[in-house]
Structure formats: C-alpha cells, structure tokens
C-alpha atoms as a PDB file:
ATOM      1  CA  UNK A   1     169.624  80.448 128.304  1.00  0.00           C
ATOM      2  CA  UNK A   2     167.075  78.872 130.678  1.00  0.00           C
ATOM      3  CA  UNK A   3     163.384  78.956 129.865  1.00  0.00           C
ATOM      4  CA  UNK A   4     160.640  78.764 132.504  1.00  0.00           C
ATOM      5  CA  UNK A   5     156.857  78.925 132.813  1.00  0.00           C
ATOM      6  CA  UNK A   6     153.854  80.365 134.631  1.00  0.00           C
ATOM      7  CA  UNK A   7     150.120  80.646 134.018  1.00  0.00           C
ATOM      8  CA  UNK A   8     148.777  83.652 132.140  1.00  0.00           C
ATOM      9  CA  UNK A   9     146.482  86.198 133.674  1.00  0.00           C
ATOM     10  CA  UNK A  10     145.330  88.330 130.762  1.00  0.00           C
ATOM     11  CA  UNK A  11     146.579  91.878 130.927  1.00  0.00           C
ATOM     12  CA  UNK A  12     144.104  94.737 131.063  1.00  0.00           C
ATOM     13  CA  UNK A  13     143.231  95.911 127.571  1.00  0.00           C
ATOM     14  CA  UNK A  14     144.096  92.575 125.925  1.00  0.00           C
ATOM     15  CA  UNK A  15     141.233  91.024 123.985  1.00  0.00           C
ATOM     16  CA  UNK A  16     141.223  87.232 123.785  1.00  0.00           C
ATOM     17  CA  UNK A  17     139.349  86.332 120.611  1.00  0.00           C
ATOM     18  CA  UNK A  18     138.230  83.333 118.656  1.00  0.00           C
ATOM     19  CA  UNK A  19     137.889  84.244 114.996  1.00  0.00           C
ATOM     20  CA  UNK A  20     134.233  84.199 113.994  1.00  0.00           C
ATOM     21  CA  UNK A  21     132.888  80.767 113.117  1.00  0.00           C
ATOM     22  CA  UNK A  22     130.092  78.468 114.319  1.00  0.00           C
ATOM     23  CA  UNK A  23     130.887  75.711 116.787  1.00  0.00           C
ATOM     24  CA  UNK A  24     131.698  75.185 120.431  1.00  0.00           C
ATOM     25  CA  UNK A  25     135.099  75.437 122.068  1.00  0.00           C
ATOM     26  CA  UNK A  26     136.179  74.683 125.601  1.00  0.00           C
ATOM     27  CA  UNK A  27     137.958  77.374 127.602  1.00  0.00           C
ATOM     28  CA  UNK A  28     141.563  77.684 126.386  1.00  0.00           C
ATOM     29  CA  UNK A  29     144.768  78.103 128.313  1.00  0.00           C
ATOM     30  CA  UNK A  30     147.280  80.908 127.736  1.00  0.00           C
ATOM     31  CA  UNK A  31     150.582  81.507 129.448  1.00  0.00           C
ATOM     32  CA  UNK A  32     151.990  84.679 130.915  1.00  0.00           C
ATOM     33  CA  UNK A  33     155.528  85.528 129.904  1.00  0.00           C
ATOM     34  CA  UNK A  34     158.007  86.882 132.399  1.00  0.00           C
ATOM     35  CA  UNK A  35     160.948  87.777 130.197  1.00  0.00           C
ATOM     36  CA  UNK A  36     162.412  85.042 128.029  1.00  0.00           C
ATOM     37  CA  UNK A  37     162.236  82.509 130.855  1.00  0.00           C
ATOM     38  CA  UNK A  38     158.589  81.583 130.339  1.00  0.00           C
ATOM     39  CA  UNK A  39     158.546  79.961 126.910  1.00  0.00           C
ATOM     40  CA  UNK A  40     158.665  76.495 128.421  1.00  0.00           C
ATOM     41  CA  UNK A  41     154.971  77.013 129.163  1.00  0.00           C
ATOM     42  CA  UNK A  42     154.216  76.720 125.450  1.00  0.00           C
ATOM     43  CA  UNK A  43     153.978  73.286 123.895  1.00  0.00           C
ATOM     44  CA  UNK A  44     156.202  73.212 120.829  1.00  0.00           C
ATOM     45  CA  UNK A  45     156.370  70.699 117.999  1.00  0.00           C
ATOM     46  CA  UNK A  46     158.562  69.561 115.142  1.00  0.00           C
ATOM     47  CA  UNK A  47     157.660  67.636 112.004  1.00  0.00           C
ATOM     48  CA  UNK A  48     158.957  64.101 111.509  1.00  0.00           C
ATOM     49  CA  UNK A  49     159.104  62.551 108.037  1.00  0.00           C
ATOM     50  CA  UNK A  50     159.524  58.797 107.768  1.00  0.00           C
ATOM     51  CA  UNK A  51     160.637  58.761 111.377  1.00  0.00           C
ATOM     52  CA  UNK A  52     163.363  61.411 111.006  1.00  0.00           C
ATOM     53  CA  UNK A  53     163.185  64.873 112.497  1.00  0.00           C
ATOM     54  CA  UNK A  54     163.163  67.860 110.169  1.00  0.00           C
ATOM     55  CA  UNK A  55     164.088  71.469 110.844  1.00  0.00           C
ATOM     56  CA  UNK A  56     160.392  72.349 110.378  1.00  0.00           C
ATOM     57  CA  UNK A  57     158.456  73.491 113.425  1.00  0.00           C
ATOM     58  CA  UNK A  58     154.707  72.947 113.719  1.00  0.00           C
ATOM     59  CA  UNK A  59     152.802  75.966 115.067  1.00  0.00           C
ATOM     60  CA  UNK A  60     150.188  74.260 117.202  1.00  0.00           C
ATOM     61  CA  UNK A  61     146.647  75.630 117.346  1.00  0.00           C
ATOM     62  CA  UNK A  62     145.002  72.697 119.085  1.00  0.00           C
ATOM     63  CA  UNK A  63     145.995  69.261 120.342  1.00  0.00           C
ATOM     64  CA  UNK A  64     145.097  67.907 116.878  1.00  0.00           C
ATOM     65  CA  UNK A  65     145.843  70.781 114.443  1.00  0.00           C
ATOM     66  CA  UNK A  66     148.809  72.972 113.558  1.00  0.00           C
ATOM     67  CA  UNK A  67     150.425  75.107 110.868  1.00  0.00           C
ATOM     68  CA  UNK A  68     153.599  73.975 109.086  1.00  0.00           C
ATOM     69  CA  UNK A  69     155.598  75.267 106.131  1.00  0.00           C
ATOM     70  CA  UNK A  70     154.250  73.744 102.905  1.00  0.00           C
ATOM     71  CA  UNK A  71     157.831  73.491 101.618  1.00  0.00           C
ATOM     72  CA  UNK A  72     158.461  70.885 104.327  1.00  0.00           C
ATOM     73  CA  UNK A  73     156.035  68.480 102.648  1.00  0.00           C
ATOM     74  CA  UNK A  74     156.593  66.039  99.785  1.00  0.00           C
ATOM     75  CA  UNK A  75     154.447  66.454  96.674  1.00  0.00           C
ATOM     76  CA  UNK A  76     153.650  64.184  93.782  1.00  0.00           C
ATOM     77  CA  UNK A  77     154.291  66.890  91.154  1.00  0.00           C
ATOM     78  CA  UNK A  78     156.038  70.220  90.661  1.00  0.00           C
ATOM     79  CA  UNK A  79     152.825  72.234  91.108  1.00  0.00           C
ATOM     80  CA  UNK A  80     152.698  71.231  94.789  1.00  0.00           C
ATOM     81  CA  UNK A  81     148.969  70.603  94.691  1.00  0.00           C
ATOM     82  CA  UNK A  82     148.944  66.945  95.758  1.00  0.00           C
ATOM     83  CA  UNK A  83     150.748  65.866  98.912  1.00  0.00           C
ATOM     84  CA  UNK A  84     152.623  62.573  98.674  1.00  0.00           C
ATOM     85  CA  UNK A  85     150.977  60.614 101.470  1.00  0.00           C
ATOM     86  CA  UNK A  86     153.323  57.676 101.006  1.00  0.00           C
ATOM     87  CA  UNK A  87     155.606  59.797 103.185  1.00  0.00           C
ATOM     88  CA  UNK A  88     154.877  59.205 106.857  1.00  0.00           C
ATOM     89  CA  UNK A  89     154.222  62.544 108.598  1.00  0.00           C
ATOM     90  CA  UNK A  90     154.284  62.730 112.388  1.00  0.00           C
ATOM     91  CA  UNK A  91     154.197  65.552 114.903  1.00  0.00           C
ATOM     92  CA  UNK A  92     156.473  65.348 117.952  1.00  0.00           C
ATOM     93  CA  UNK A  93     155.201  67.650 120.714  1.00  0.00           C
ATOM     94  CA  UNK A  94     157.276  68.868 123.640  1.00  0.00           C
ATOM     95  CA  UNK A  95     155.877  69.479 127.083  1.00  0.00           C
ATOM     96  CA  UNK A  96     157.852  72.710 127.445  1.00  0.00           C
ATOM     97  CA  UNK A  97     161.630  72.580 127.694  1.00  0.00           C
ATOM     98  CA  UNK A  98     163.037  69.082 127.347  1.00  0.00           C
ATOM     99  CA  UNK A  99     160.016  67.057 128.458  1.00  0.00           C
ATOM    100  CA  UNK A 100     158.003  65.167 125.854  1.00  0.00           C
ATOM    101  CA  UNK A 101     154.222  65.442 125.432  1.00  0.00           C
ATOM    102  CA  UNK A 102     153.901  62.799 122.735  1.00  0.00           C
ATOM    103  CA  UNK A 103     154.339  61.649 119.146  1.00  0.00           C
ATOM    104  CA  UNK A 104     151.319  61.690 116.848  1.00  0.00           C
ATOM    105  CA  UNK A 105     150.625  60.497 113.321  1.00  0.00           C
ATOM    106  CA  UNK A 106     149.302  63.048 110.812  1.00  0.00           C
ATOM    107  CA  UNK A 107     146.103  61.781 109.231  1.00  0.00           C
ATOM    108  CA  UNK A 108     145.437  64.780 106.985  1.00  0.00           C
ATOM    109  CA  UNK A 109     147.822  67.232 105.322  1.00  0.00           C
ATOM    110  CA  UNK A 110     146.399  70.322 103.560  1.00  0.00           C
ATOM    111  CA  UNK A 111     148.701  72.810 101.789  1.00  0.00           C
ATOM    112  CA  UNK A 112     147.358  76.281 101.137  1.00  0.00           C
ATOM    113  CA  UNK A 113     145.709  76.230  97.687  1.00  0.00           C
ATOM    114  CA  UNK A 114     147.660  79.363  96.703  1.00  0.00           C
ATOM    115  CA  UNK A 115     151.078  77.956  97.633  1.00  0.00           C
ATOM    116  CA  UNK A 116     153.617  78.733  94.900  1.00  0.00           C
ATOM    117  CA  UNK A 117     156.715  76.551  95.367  1.00  0.00           C
ATOM    118  CA  UNK A 118     158.811  78.598  92.933  1.00  0.00           C
ATOM    119  CA  UNK A 119     158.543  81.794  94.998  1.00  0.00           C
ATOM    120  CA  UNK A 120     157.508  80.376  98.409  1.00  0.00           C
ATOM    121  CA  UNK A 121     154.382  82.557  98.337  1.00  0.00           C
ATOM    122  CA  UNK A 122     151.690  81.321 100.764  1.00  0.00           C
ATOM    123  CA  UNK A 123     154.160  78.759 102.092  1.00  0.00           C
ATOM    124  CA  UNK A 124     151.852  77.313 104.715  1.00  0.00           C
ATOM    125  CA  UNK A 125     149.894  74.123 105.328  1.00  0.00           C
ATOM    126  CA  UNK A 126     147.634  72.556 107.967  1.00  0.00           C
ATOM    127  CA  UNK A 127     148.388  69.253 109.684  1.00  0.00           C
ATOM    128  CA  UNK A 128     145.679  67.237 111.389  1.00  0.00           C
ATOM    129  CA  UNK A 129     147.053  64.597 113.721  1.00  0.00           C
ATOM    130  CA  UNK A 130     146.064  62.145 116.435  1.00  0.00           C
ATOM    131  CA  UNK A 131     145.970  63.078 120.113  1.00  0.00           C
ATOM    132  CA  UNK A 132     146.251  61.356 123.464  1.00  0.00           C
ATOM    133  CA  UNK A 133     142.859  62.714 124.524  1.00  0.00           C
ATOM    134  CA  UNK A 134     144.303  65.624 126.508  1.00  0.00           C
ATOM    135  CA  UNK A 135     142.915  68.650 124.658  1.00  0.00           C
ATOM    136  CA  UNK A 136     144.822  71.944 124.675  1.00  0.00           C
ATOM    137  CA  UNK A 137     144.789  75.267 122.826  1.00  0.00           C
ATOM    138  CA  UNK A 138     147.708  77.428 121.666  1.00  0.00           C
ATOM    139  CA  UNK A 139     146.922  81.022 120.744  1.00  0.00           C
ATOM    140  CA  UNK A 140     148.096  82.845 117.623  1.00  0.00           C
ATOM    141  CA  UNK A 141     149.121  86.491 117.910  1.00  0.00           C
ATOM    142  CA  UNK A 142     146.831  87.911 115.262  1.00  0.00           C
ATOM    143  CA  UNK A 143     147.887  91.522 114.805  1.00  0.00           C
ATOM    144  CA  UNK A 144     151.418  92.503 113.897  1.00  0.00           C
ATOM    145  CA  UNK A 145     151.075  96.087 115.112  1.00  0.00           C
ATOM    146  CA  UNK A 146     150.738  94.699 118.655  1.00  0.00           C
ATOM    147  CA  UNK A 147     154.166  93.156 118.894  1.00  0.00           C
ATOM    148  CA  UNK A 148     156.503  95.171 121.064  1.00  0.00           C
ATOM    149  CA  UNK A 149     159.176  92.556 120.560  1.00  0.00           C
ATOM    150  CA  UNK A 150     159.750  89.155 118.961  1.00  0.00           C
ATOM    151  CA  UNK A 151     161.083  85.862 120.287  1.00  0.00           C
ATOM    152  CA  UNK A 152     162.750  83.643 117.685  1.00  0.00           C
ATOM    153  CA  UNK A 153     162.882  79.987 118.715  1.00  0.00           C
ATOM    154  CA  UNK A 154     164.315  76.732 117.394  1.00  0.00           C
ATOM    155  CA  UNK A 155     163.290  73.447 118.971  1.00  0.00           C
ATOM    156  CA  UNK A 156     165.079  70.199 118.186  1.00  0.00           C
ATOM    157  CA  UNK A 157     165.310  66.582 119.279  1.00  0.00           C
ATOM    158  CA  UNK A 158     168.396  64.809 120.565  1.00  0.00           C
ATOM    159  CA  UNK A 159     166.628  61.543 119.688  1.00  0.00           C
ATOM    160  CA  UNK A 160     163.584  61.287 117.443  1.00  0.00           C
ATOM    161  CA  UNK A 161     163.185  57.595 118.247  1.00  0.00           C
ATOM    162  CA  UNK A 162     163.325  58.208 121.984  1.00  0.00           C
ATOM    163  CA  UNK A 163     161.414  61.486 121.984  1.00  0.00           C
ATOM    164  CA  UNK A 164     164.249  63.299 123.784  1.00  0.00           C
ATOM    165  CA  UNK A 165     164.397  67.086 123.361  1.00  0.00           C
ATOM    166  CA  UNK A 166     167.341  69.472 123.345  1.00  0.00           C
ATOM    167  CA  UNK A 167     167.105  72.768 125.191  1.00  0.00           C
ATOM    168  CA  UNK A 168     165.371  75.221 122.821  1.00  0.00           C
ATOM    169  CA  UNK A 169     167.491  77.941 121.221  1.00  0.00           C
ATOM    170  CA  UNK A 170     165.912  81.362 121.701  1.00  0.00           C
ATOM    171  CA  UNK A 171     166.775  84.964 121.018  1.00  0.00           C
ATOM    172  CA  UNK A 172     164.893  88.194 121.665  1.00  0.00           C
ATOM    173  CA  UNK A 173     164.840  90.496 118.674  1.00  0.00           C
ATOM    174  CA  UNK A 174     163.523  93.929 117.806  1.00  0.00           C
ATOM    175  CA  UNK A 175     164.510  94.580 114.209  1.00  0.00           C
ATOM    176  CA  UNK A 176     166.394  97.593 112.961  1.00  0.00           C
ATOM    177  CA  UNK A 177     167.289  95.802 109.725  1.00  0.00           C
ATOM    178  CA  UNK A 178     166.986  97.809 106.507  1.00  0.00           C
ATOM    179  CA  UNK A 179     163.914  96.379 104.785  1.00  0.00           C
ATOM    180  CA  UNK A 180     165.250  97.572 101.416  1.00  0.00           C
ATOM    181  CA  UNK A 181     168.093  95.055 101.768  1.00  0.00           C
ATOM    182  CA  UNK A 182     165.568  92.291 102.531  1.00  0.00           C
ATOM    183  CA  UNK A 183     163.607  93.269  99.428  1.00  0.00           C
ATOM    184  CA  UNK A 184     166.686  93.364  97.201  1.00  0.00           C
ATOM    185  CA  UNK A 185     167.464  89.777  98.185  1.00  0.00           C
ATOM    186  CA  UNK A 186     163.959  88.384  97.602  1.00  0.00           C
ATOM    187  CA  UNK A 187     161.244  89.624  95.272  1.00  0.00           C
ATOM    188  CA  UNK A 188     158.478  87.862  97.238  1.00  0.00           C
ATOM    189  CA  UNK A 189     159.333  89.991 100.251  1.00  0.00           C
ATOM    190  CA  UNK A 190     159.505  93.080  98.040  1.00  0.00           C
ATOM    191  CA  UNK A 191     155.786  92.793  97.267  1.00  0.00           C
ATOM    192  CA  UNK A 192     154.562  91.254 100.549  1.00  0.00           C
ATOM    193  CA  UNK A 193     156.268  92.989 103.442  1.00  0.00           C
ATOM    194  CA  UNK A 194     153.189  92.740 105.692  1.00  0.00           C
ATOM    195  CA  UNK A 195     153.068  88.957 105.236  1.00  0.00           C
ATOM    196  CA  UNK A 196     156.712  88.179 105.946  1.00  0.00           C
ATOM    197  CA  UNK A 197     159.266  89.001 108.629  1.00  0.00           C
ATOM    198  CA  UNK A 198     162.888  89.349 107.544  1.00  0.00           C
ATOM    199  CA  UNK A 199     166.042  89.038 109.612  1.00  0.00           C
ATOM    200  CA  UNK A 200     169.567  87.637 109.513  1.00  0.00           C
ATOM    201  CA  UNK A 201     169.404  85.636 112.742  1.00  0.00           C
ATOM    202  CA  UNK A 202     170.811  82.111 112.810  1.00  0.00           C
ATOM    203  CA  UNK A 203     171.558  79.411 115.351  1.00  0.00           C
ATOM    204  CA  UNK A 204     173.879  76.400 115.236  1.00  0.00           C
ATOM    205  CA  UNK A 205     172.531  73.415 113.304  1.00  0.00           C
ATOM    206  CA  UNK A 206     172.212  70.206 115.316  1.00  0.00           C
ATOM    207  CA  UNK A 207     173.333  68.311 112.211  1.00  0.00           C
ATOM    208  CA  UNK A 208     176.574  70.233 111.649  1.00  0.00           C
ATOM    209  CA  UNK A 209     178.129  72.435 114.318  1.00  0.00           C
ATOM    210  CA  UNK A 210     180.025  74.407 111.667  1.00  0.00           C
ATOM    211  CA  UNK A 211     176.756  75.534 110.035  1.00  0.00           C
ATOM    212  CA  UNK A 212     174.163  78.009 111.254  1.00  0.00           C
ATOM    213  CA  UNK A 213     170.515  77.903 110.186  1.00  0.00           C
ATOM    214  CA  UNK A 214     167.531  80.214 110.787  1.00  0.00           C
ATOM    215  CA  UNK A 215     165.229  79.935 113.771  1.00  0.00           C
ATOM    216  CA  UNK A 216     162.052  77.921 113.167  1.00  0.00           C
ATOM    217  CA  UNK A 217     159.288  80.015 114.732  1.00  0.00           C
ATOM    218  CA  UNK A 218     158.540  83.489 116.025  1.00  0.00           C
ATOM    219  CA  UNK A 219     156.452  84.599 118.996  1.00  0.00           C
ATOM    220  CA  UNK A 220     154.913  88.056 119.070  1.00  0.00           C
ATOM    221  CA  UNK A 221     155.318  89.755 122.455  1.00  0.00           C
ATOM    222  CA  UNK A 222     152.310  91.738 123.615  1.00  0.00           C
ATOM    223  CA  UNK A 223     153.294  92.868 127.121  1.00  0.00           C
ATOM    224  CA  UNK A 224     152.949  90.976 129.334  1.00  0.00           C
ATOM    225  CA  UNK A 225     151.960  88.129 126.997  1.00  0.00           C
ATOM    226  CA  UNK A 226     153.438  86.219 124.077  1.00  0.00           C
ATOM    227  CA  UNK A 227     151.938  83.934 121.424  1.00  0.00           C
ATOM    228  CA  UNK A 228     153.236  82.205 118.333  1.00  0.00           C
ATOM    229  CA  UNK A 229     152.886  84.420 115.267  1.00  0.00           C
ATOM    230  CA  UNK A 230     155.067  83.159 112.388  1.00  0.00           C
ATOM    231  CA  UNK A 231     156.992  80.140 111.127  1.00  0.00           C
ATOM    232  CA  UNK A 232     160.105  79.935 108.984  1.00  0.00           C
ATOM    233  CA  UNK A 233     159.439  80.075 105.238  1.00  0.00           C
ATOM    234  CA  UNK A 234     162.684  80.470 103.249  1.00  0.00           C
ATOM    235  CA  UNK A 235     166.106  82.112 103.014  1.00  0.00           C
ATOM    236  CA  UNK A 236     167.936  84.112 100.355  1.00  0.00           C
ATOM    237  CA  UNK A 237     171.670  83.379 100.297  1.00  0.00           C
ATOM    238  CA  UNK A 238     174.150  85.470  98.341  1.00  0.00           C
ATOM    239  CA  UNK A 239     176.930  83.679  96.466  1.00  0.00           C
ATOM    240  CA  UNK A 240     177.455  80.043  95.578  1.00  0.00           C
ATOM    241  CA  UNK A 241     176.937  78.491  98.960  1.00  0.00           C
ATOM    242  CA  UNK A 242     174.499  77.673 101.724  1.00  0.00           C
ATOM    243  CA  UNK A 243     174.383  78.107 105.491  1.00  0.00           C
ATOM    244  CA  UNK A 244     177.903  76.807 106.082  1.00  0.00           C
ATOM    245  CA  UNK A 245     180.006  79.195 104.006  1.00  0.00           C
ATOM    246  CA  UNK A 246     179.696  82.524 105.788  1.00  0.00           C
ATOM    247  CA  UNK A 247     177.557  84.004 103.009  1.00  0.00           C
ATOM    248  CA  UNK A 248     175.222  86.946 103.508  1.00  0.00           C
ATOM    249  CA  UNK A 249     171.818  85.467 104.359  1.00  0.00           C
ATOM    250  CA  UNK A 250     168.323  86.914 104.718  1.00  0.00           C
ATOM    251  CA  UNK A 251     165.674  84.742 106.381  1.00  0.00           C
ATOM    252  CA  UNK A 252     161.918  85.121 105.882  1.00  0.00           C
ATOM    253  CA  UNK A 253     159.111  84.022 108.212  1.00  0.00           C
ATOM    254  CA  UNK A 254     155.473  83.778 107.131  1.00  0.00           C
ATOM    255  CA  UNK A 255     153.058  85.600 109.433  1.00  0.00           C
ATOM    256  CA  UNK A 256     150.001  83.427 110.156  1.00  0.00           C
ATOM    257  CA  UNK A 257     147.403  86.116 110.865  1.00  0.00           C
ATOM    258  CA  UNK A 258     146.123  86.376 107.269  1.00  0.00           C
ATOM    259  CA  UNK A 259     145.649  82.599 107.047  1.00  0.00           C
ATOM    260  CA  UNK A 260     143.429  82.188 110.106  1.00  0.00           C
ATOM    261  CA  UNK A 261     140.145  82.068 108.185  1.00  0.00           C
ATOM    262  CA  UNK A 262     141.589  79.656 105.635  1.00  0.00           C
ATOM    263  CA  UNK A 263     142.652  77.462 108.555  1.00  0.00           C
ATOM    264  CA  UNK A 264     139.127  77.615 109.961  1.00  0.00           C
ATOM    265  CA  UNK A 265     137.728  76.426 106.636  1.00  0.00           C
ATOM    266  CA  UNK A 266     140.081  73.431 106.825  1.00  0.00           C
ATOM    267  CA  UNK A 267     139.720  72.430 110.468  1.00  0.00           C
ATOM    268  CA  UNK A 268     136.008  73.233 110.784  1.00  0.00           C
ATOM    269  CA  UNK A 269     136.249  75.105 114.071  1.00  0.00           C
ATOM    270  CA  UNK A 270     137.151  78.483 115.507  1.00  0.00           C
ATOM    271  CA  UNK A 271     140.747  79.610 115.457  1.00  0.00           C
ATOM    272  CA  UNK A 272     142.354  80.751 118.731  1.00  0.00           C
ATOM    273  CA  UNK A 273     143.778  84.254 118.255  1.00  0.00           C
ATOM    274  CA  UNK A 274     144.306  87.301 120.447  1.00  0.00           C
ATOM    275  CA  UNK A 275     145.166  90.966 120.055  1.00  0.00           C
ATOM    276  CA  UNK A 276     144.789  94.260 121.877  1.00  0.00           C
ATOM    277  CA  UNK A 277     141.271  95.628 121.982  1.00  0.00           C
ATOM    278  CA  UNK A 278     141.509  98.822 119.986  1.00  0.00           C
ATOM    279  CA  UNK A 279     139.516 100.219 117.095  1.00  0.00           C
ATOM    280  CA  UNK A 280     142.400 100.014 114.623  1.00  0.00           C
ATOM    281  CA  UNK A 281     142.363  96.206 114.600  1.00  0.00           C
ATOM    282  CA  UNK A 282     140.810  94.691 111.473  1.00  0.00           C
ATOM    283  CA  UNK A 283     140.405  90.972 110.899  1.00  0.00           C
ATOM    284  CA  UNK A 284     141.153  89.462 107.492  1.00  0.00           C
ATOM    285  CA  UNK A 285     138.011  87.435 106.742  1.00  0.00           C
ATOM    286  CA  UNK A 286     139.229  86.157 103.362  1.00  0.00           C
ATOM    287  CA  UNK A 287     139.562  82.357 103.486  1.00  0.00           C
ATOM    288  CA  UNK A 288     141.221  82.450 100.048  1.00  0.00           C
ATOM    289  CA  UNK A 289     143.781  85.109 100.919  1.00  0.00           C
ATOM    290  CA  UNK A 290     146.947  85.117  98.830  1.00  0.00           C
ATOM    291  CA  UNK A 291     150.190  87.046  98.781  1.00  0.00           C
ATOM    292  CA  UNK A 292     151.124  88.858  95.597  1.00  0.00           C
ATOM    293  CA  UNK A 293     153.098  86.311  93.573  1.00  0.00           C
ATOM    294  CA  UNK A 294     155.956  88.096  91.767  1.00  0.00           C
ATOM    295  CA  UNK A 295     156.462  87.617  88.058  1.00  0.00           C
ATOM    296  CA  UNK A 296     160.253  87.584  88.401  1.00  0.00           C
ATOM    297  CA  UNK A 297     160.887  85.235  91.287  1.00  0.00           C
ATOM    298  CA  UNK A 298     164.682  85.179  91.383  1.00  0.00           C
ATOM    299  CA  UNK A 299     167.502  87.570  92.087  1.00  0.00           C
ATOM    300  CA  UNK A 300     170.862  87.428  90.335  1.00  0.00           C
ATOM    301  CA  UNK A 301     173.537  85.548  92.332  1.00  0.00           C
ATOM    302  CA  UNK A 302     171.092  84.615  95.088  1.00  0.00           C
ATOM    303  CA  UNK A 303     170.142  81.059  96.081  1.00  0.00           C
ATOM    304  CA  UNK A 304     166.797  80.485  97.773  1.00  0.00           C
ATOM    305  CA  UNK A 305     166.385  77.667 100.299  1.00  0.00           C
ATOM    306  CA  UNK A 306     163.280  76.441 102.064  1.00  0.00           C
ATOM    307  CA  UNK A 307     161.712  73.417 103.665  1.00  0.00           C
ATOM    308  CA  UNK A 308     163.780  70.992 105.713  1.00  0.00           C
ATOM    309  CA  UNK A 309     167.182  72.611 106.173  1.00  0.00           C
ATOM    310  CA  UNK A 310     168.606  69.475 107.757  1.00  0.00           C
ATOM    311  CA  UNK A 311     168.438  68.020 104.242  1.00  0.00           C
ATOM    312  CA  UNK A 312     169.112  71.175 102.250  1.00  0.00           C
ATOM    313  CA  UNK A 313     166.765  71.934  99.409  1.00  0.00           C
ATOM    314  CA  UNK A 314     167.173  74.775  96.910  1.00  0.00           C
ATOM    315  CA  UNK A 315     164.734  76.039  94.304  1.00  0.00           C
ATOM    316  CA  UNK A 316     167.246  77.897  92.157  1.00  0.00           C
ATOM    317  CA  UNK A 317     170.891  78.672  91.499  1.00  0.00           C
ATOM    318  CA  UNK A 318     172.558  81.810  90.247  1.00  0.00           C
ATOM    319  CA  UNK A 319     173.205  80.242  86.831  1.00  0.00           C
ATOM    320  CA  UNK A 320     169.736  78.715  86.564  1.00  0.00           C
ATOM    321  CA  UNK A 321     167.913  81.894  87.443  1.00  0.00           C
ATOM    322  CA  UNK A 322     169.969  83.998  85.039  1.00  0.00           C
ATOM    323  CA  UNK A 323     169.741  81.634  82.083  1.00  0.00           C
ATOM    324  CA  UNK A 324     166.320  80.065  82.516  1.00  0.00           C
ATOM    325  CA  UNK A 325     164.143  82.357  84.619  1.00  0.00           C
ATOM    326  CA  UNK A 326     165.388  85.865  83.940  1.00  0.00           C
ATOM    327  CA  UNK A 327     166.668  86.760  87.398  1.00  0.00           C
ATOM    328  CA  UNK A 328     166.468  90.393  88.374  1.00  0.00           C
ATOM    329  CA  UNK A 329     169.649  92.420  88.573  1.00  0.00           C
ATOM    330  CA  UNK A 330     170.298  94.702  91.532  1.00  0.00           C
ATOM    331  CA  UNK A 331     169.620  97.733  89.363  1.00  0.00           C
ATOM    332  CA  UNK A 332     166.253  96.345  88.281  1.00  0.00           C
ATOM    333  CA  UNK A 333     165.279  95.680  91.891  1.00  0.00           C
ATOM    334  CA  UNK A 334     166.187  99.206  92.954  1.00  0.00           C
ATOM    335  CA  UNK A 335     164.016 100.513  90.114  1.00  0.00           C
ATOM    336  CA  UNK A 336     161.056  98.433  91.255  1.00  0.00           C
ATOM    337  CA  UNK A 337     161.527  99.562  94.865  1.00  0.00           C
ATOM    338  CA  UNK A 338     161.515 103.189  93.824  1.00  0.00           C
ATOM    339  CA  UNK A 339     158.366 102.557  91.807  1.00  0.00           C
ATOM    340  CA  UNK A 340     156.636 100.944  94.805  1.00  0.00           C
ATOM    341  CA  UNK A 341     157.589 103.852  97.049  1.00  0.00           C
ATOM    342  CA  UNK A 342     156.098 106.273  94.541  1.00  0.00           C
ATOM    343  CA  UNK A 343     152.690 104.543  94.648  1.00  0.00           C
END
C-alpha cells in the first residue's frame, strides 16, 4: 500500500485548539488526508534503546517531545517509578515514508506517575529529546467521538545504524468487534473502555516473518483530516503462547486525550490538539488523571504482553496468575460485566 502527502486546509467546522496553558507557540502545521495515501505527510518515530530499534512508536507532539508507552522503558525497580537512565534512549524520526528526518538522544524520560506495570494502567510516558533546530508540531486528535474511522500504523527501520526506514504498514479499521470479548480477555479494559481501543489486528513482525504483532499507533480520522490519537499499550493472548502460535489475541491501545494536561505539566507548554467545534466536547483538565486500576489484574489462561515486542516481555502466565494472583475465571468476568451494565 503506497502512502502519500499533501498540506492540510482545515475543514469547515473543525476547531484547531491548543489546550489551555500559558506560553507562546509558533503556528503549527497539519496535513490533509486524502484516503490512506496521505500518511507520509506525518513525521513518525520509533524508540531506540542502546542503539537497537524497538517495536515502540513515539507519538510526536513537537520536534523535541513525544508520548511513548511506559512499558517500553527500563526501570530500576518493580514499581516502575524510577527510569533506568543507564539505558540509552533515542528517538529515530522519519520524514514521511522511507526518508529519514534524524536521530535524537532523549535527555529526559518521564513516566506517568499513575503507571501500574502489573495491569498496564496509565501506560504512557513523555520523552524529551534533542532536535536539529527545525521546529515542527504534530497534532493529537483529542476527542474520540469525532473519529469516523481509524488508521492503524506500524513504522519500522531496515537499519537502525543507517537510519533506513521500511515502508510503513497501515490498515484502515472501523471496529465491529464485540467489546464484551475484549473485556473478558483483560480486566483493565473492562473498567476503562473509554481510555483504551481494542482490536485483533496484527501485521508481520520484521524480526520473524512467521509471527504477527499489533500495530504501533492509531490515527483518528476526522473527515477530511487525521491526527495521531493512540499508541499500543498491551495484548492479551489466550493459551500458552505468544504472537507466533496462532492464539486468539486482543490488542489494546491507550488513547492520549486524557493525558494532554499531564503532558503539559511535564513539557511546560501548550499541547497541540484538535477536535470538531461542537458543544458536546469537554476537555479533561485533570493533570493527575488515572484509569481505574483493577483489583484482579489477570484472567485465567491469558498471557499479557507489553513493551518492546521485538524482545517479548510478559507480565504473567496462566499458572502464575492462577496460583499467585488469583486470576479471574470466565464466569467471574461475566458476573462483573453484568454488574457494570446494571449500574
């Protein structure tokens, strides 16, 4: 699938907004979409650790700041409060399709203070990195009700050392998936369905052609525009296996809109967001926003993976969750779902 680009002219009725905060900001650039062939207009980025590419995409806000999954970071303890800065973090930015914009060292890494590594709640962090002096802005689609469709994208490098990019993998998706099935597979999703997007989409791993892994980012489509809206968080995999065994898999993406004001408190400037200009839109002003963290974090016979999928990392196994953490049975989950519906 070929991707192309063109400059955005904002559609009538679309409100381009910077979330409220003091400070100056130069005029930003957006890009108009024209079907799926315009995503090359968006600069994309992947996280490098100690010089090696990861499966983790960086959702750029500015030329020096971006969101990344907190599970992609290394921590000095199990509470995931202190980032291990002996790891070298870099951000490789593409110029669109296969062109390279540059490689930049991360000077500051800030995980969300409410990140819970056991459940993947609030699985988001901010990277601050160097720039080449060419400032740019990437918008965040800030209201989920706007999205008429979703683009799921995975960017990857053919050579991290050389800065050479593969063609991005992209699919257009408008979900008809049963959300009850997503909730049965993952208790975090059960309690936080407005904060996460669930699907079963995968694309071939660049590390192993016999394995398929989730996409890395999601763009919300607001006709005729598109902007990045979510990044990959974690997956729930049924059975004793991973992404290479043909198991039933549910993938979860964290929606960034509720973390905009937290991001502003970290980066010290306005956040670039946009949405349609209608009365129903409400902005989450809570800089300490948190998902509901479930008490029972595991599901019987389900493995949960997150972080860098090129070097697979699991937080639990079927045996571990049953014996040590009291994993929920399918019957218990159905009972909880019925209780939530009755509220």
